[in-house]
Amino acid sequence: MKKTMVLAAALVFSVLAGYAQDTKEKMKEVGHQTKQTTKAAGRKISRETNKAGDKISTAAKNTKQDVKEGTNKALDKTDRKLKKAERKINNSN
């Protein structure tokens, strides 16, 4: 009877040890998958941040160009008005 109990206890212990080993392996795999998912998310965030930075740079460049064009137009218009005023003054003399 004692041998049967020891044998049963050893059997239960070996089954539990095997189950614990399987659980450990599964948890390692889950940890690995979590790490990969986190890395992928980080890479995606980096790519999206770079895209946003590129868009901001392009918008800033376009704004700079728009301001330059607007300033040039205003200067041209002022120059034309000054020339017109000079012609009027010259013609009135």
Protein backbone atom coordinates (compact mmCIF):
# COMPACT_ATOMS: atom_id res chain seq x y z
CA MET A 1 0.00 0.00 0.00
CA LYS A 2 2.82 2.35 0.94
CA LYS A 3 4.57 1.63 -2.34
CA THR A 4 1.37 2.33 -4.25
CA MET A 5 0.97 5.69 -2.49
CA VAL A 6 4.60 6.63 -3.20
CA LEU A 7 4.18 5.55 -6.81
CA ALA A 8 0.95 7.57 -7.14
CA ALA A 9 2.61 10.60 -5.55
CA ALA A 10 5.57 10.28 -7.94
CA LEU A 11 3.16 10.02 -10.88
CA VAL A 12 1.23 13.12 -9.76
CA PHE A 13 4.49 14.99 -9.21
CA SER A 14 5.81 14.11 -12.68
CA VAL A 15 2.51 15.14 -14.33
CA LEU A 16 2.54 18.43 -12.44
CA ALA A 17 6.20 19.01 -13.33
CA GLY A 18 5.40 18.40 -17.01
CA TYR A 19 2.41 20.75 -16.82
CA ALA A 20 4.56 23.40 -15.13
CA GLN A 21 7.20 23.02 -17.86
CA ASP A 22 4.53 23.44 -20.58
CA THR A 23 3.17 26.51 -18.81
CA LYS A 24 6.68 27.94 -18.54
CA GLU A 25 7.29 27.41 -22.27
CA LYS A 26 3.95 28.98 -23.15
CA MET A 27 4.69 32.00 -20.97
CA LYS A 28 8.12 32.39 -22.60
CA GLU A 29 6.45 32.36 -26.01
CA VAL A 30 3.84 34.89 -24.89
CA GLY A 31 6.65 37.08 -23.57
CA HIS A 32 8.51 36.78 -26.88
CA GLN A 33 5.38 37.65 -28.86
CA THR A 34 4.71 40.62 -26.58
CA LYS A 35 8.26 41.85 -27.11
CA GLN A 36 7.90 41.54 -30.89
CA THR A 37 4.54 43.35 -30.83
CA THR A 38 6.00 46.14 -28.72
CA LYS A 39 8.96 46.53 -31.06
CA ALA A 40 6.65 46.62 -34.09
CA ALA A 41 4.48 49.25 -32.43
CA GLY A 42 7.57 51.31 -31.64
CA ARG A 43 8.74 51.08 -35.25
CA LYS A 44 5.30 52.14 -36.49
CA ILE A 45 5.24 55.10 -34.10
CA SER A 46 8.68 56.10 -35.36
CA ARG A 47 7.57 55.90 -39.00
CA GLU A 48 4.41 57.91 -38.33
CA THR A 49 6.39 60.52 -36.40
CA ASN A 50 8.82 60.85 -39.29
CA LYS A 51 5.92 61.24 -41.73
CA ALA A 52 4.38 63.93 -39.54
CA GLY A 53 7.74 65.70 -39.31
CA ASP A 54 8.09 65.59 -43.09
CA LYS A 55 4.61 67.06 -43.51
CA ILE A 56 5.40 69.84 -41.05
CA SER A 57 8.66 70.60 -42.87
CA THR A 58 6.86 70.70 -46.21
CA ALA A 59 4.14 72.94 -44.78
CA ALA A 60 6.76 75.27 -43.31
CA LYS A 61 8.61 75.38 -46.63
CA ASN A 62 5.37 76.09 -48.49
CA THR A 63 4.45 78.81 -45.99
CA LYS A 64 7.88 80.39 -46.41
CA GLN A 65 7.44 80.30 -50.19
CA ASP A 66 3.92 81.78 -49.91
CA VAL A 67 5.19 84.62 -47.71
CA LYS A 68 8.02 85.26 -50.14
CA GLU A 69 5.64 85.34 -53.11
CA GLY A 70 3.23 87.62 -51.24
CA THR A 71 6.02 90.00 -50.29
CA ASN A 72 7.30 90.06 -53.87
CA LYS A 73 3.80 90.79 -55.18
CA ALA A 74 3.36 93.63 -52.67
CA LEU A 75 6.76 95.09 -53.58
CA ASP A 76 5.98 94.85 -57.30
CA LYS A 77 2.62 96.53 -56.77
CA THR A 78 4.24 99.31 -54.72
CA ASP A 79 6.92 99.75 -57.38
CA ARG A 80 4.26 100.05 -60.10
CA LYS A 81 2.34 102.64 -58.07
CA LEU A 82 5.53 104.63 -57.46
CA LYS A 83 6.35 104.61 -61.18
CA LYS A 84 2.80 105.69 -61.99
CA ALA A 85 3.06 108.52 -59.45
CA GLU A 86 6.42 109.59 -60.96
CA ARG A 87 4.87 109.64 -64.45
CA LYS A 88 1.99 111.77 -63.18
CA ILE A 89 4.42 114.18 -61.55
CA ASN A 90 6.55 114.33 -64.70
CA ASN A 91 3.50 114.82 -66.90
CA SER A 92 2.13 117.58 -64.70
CA ASN A 93 5.33 119.58 -65.05
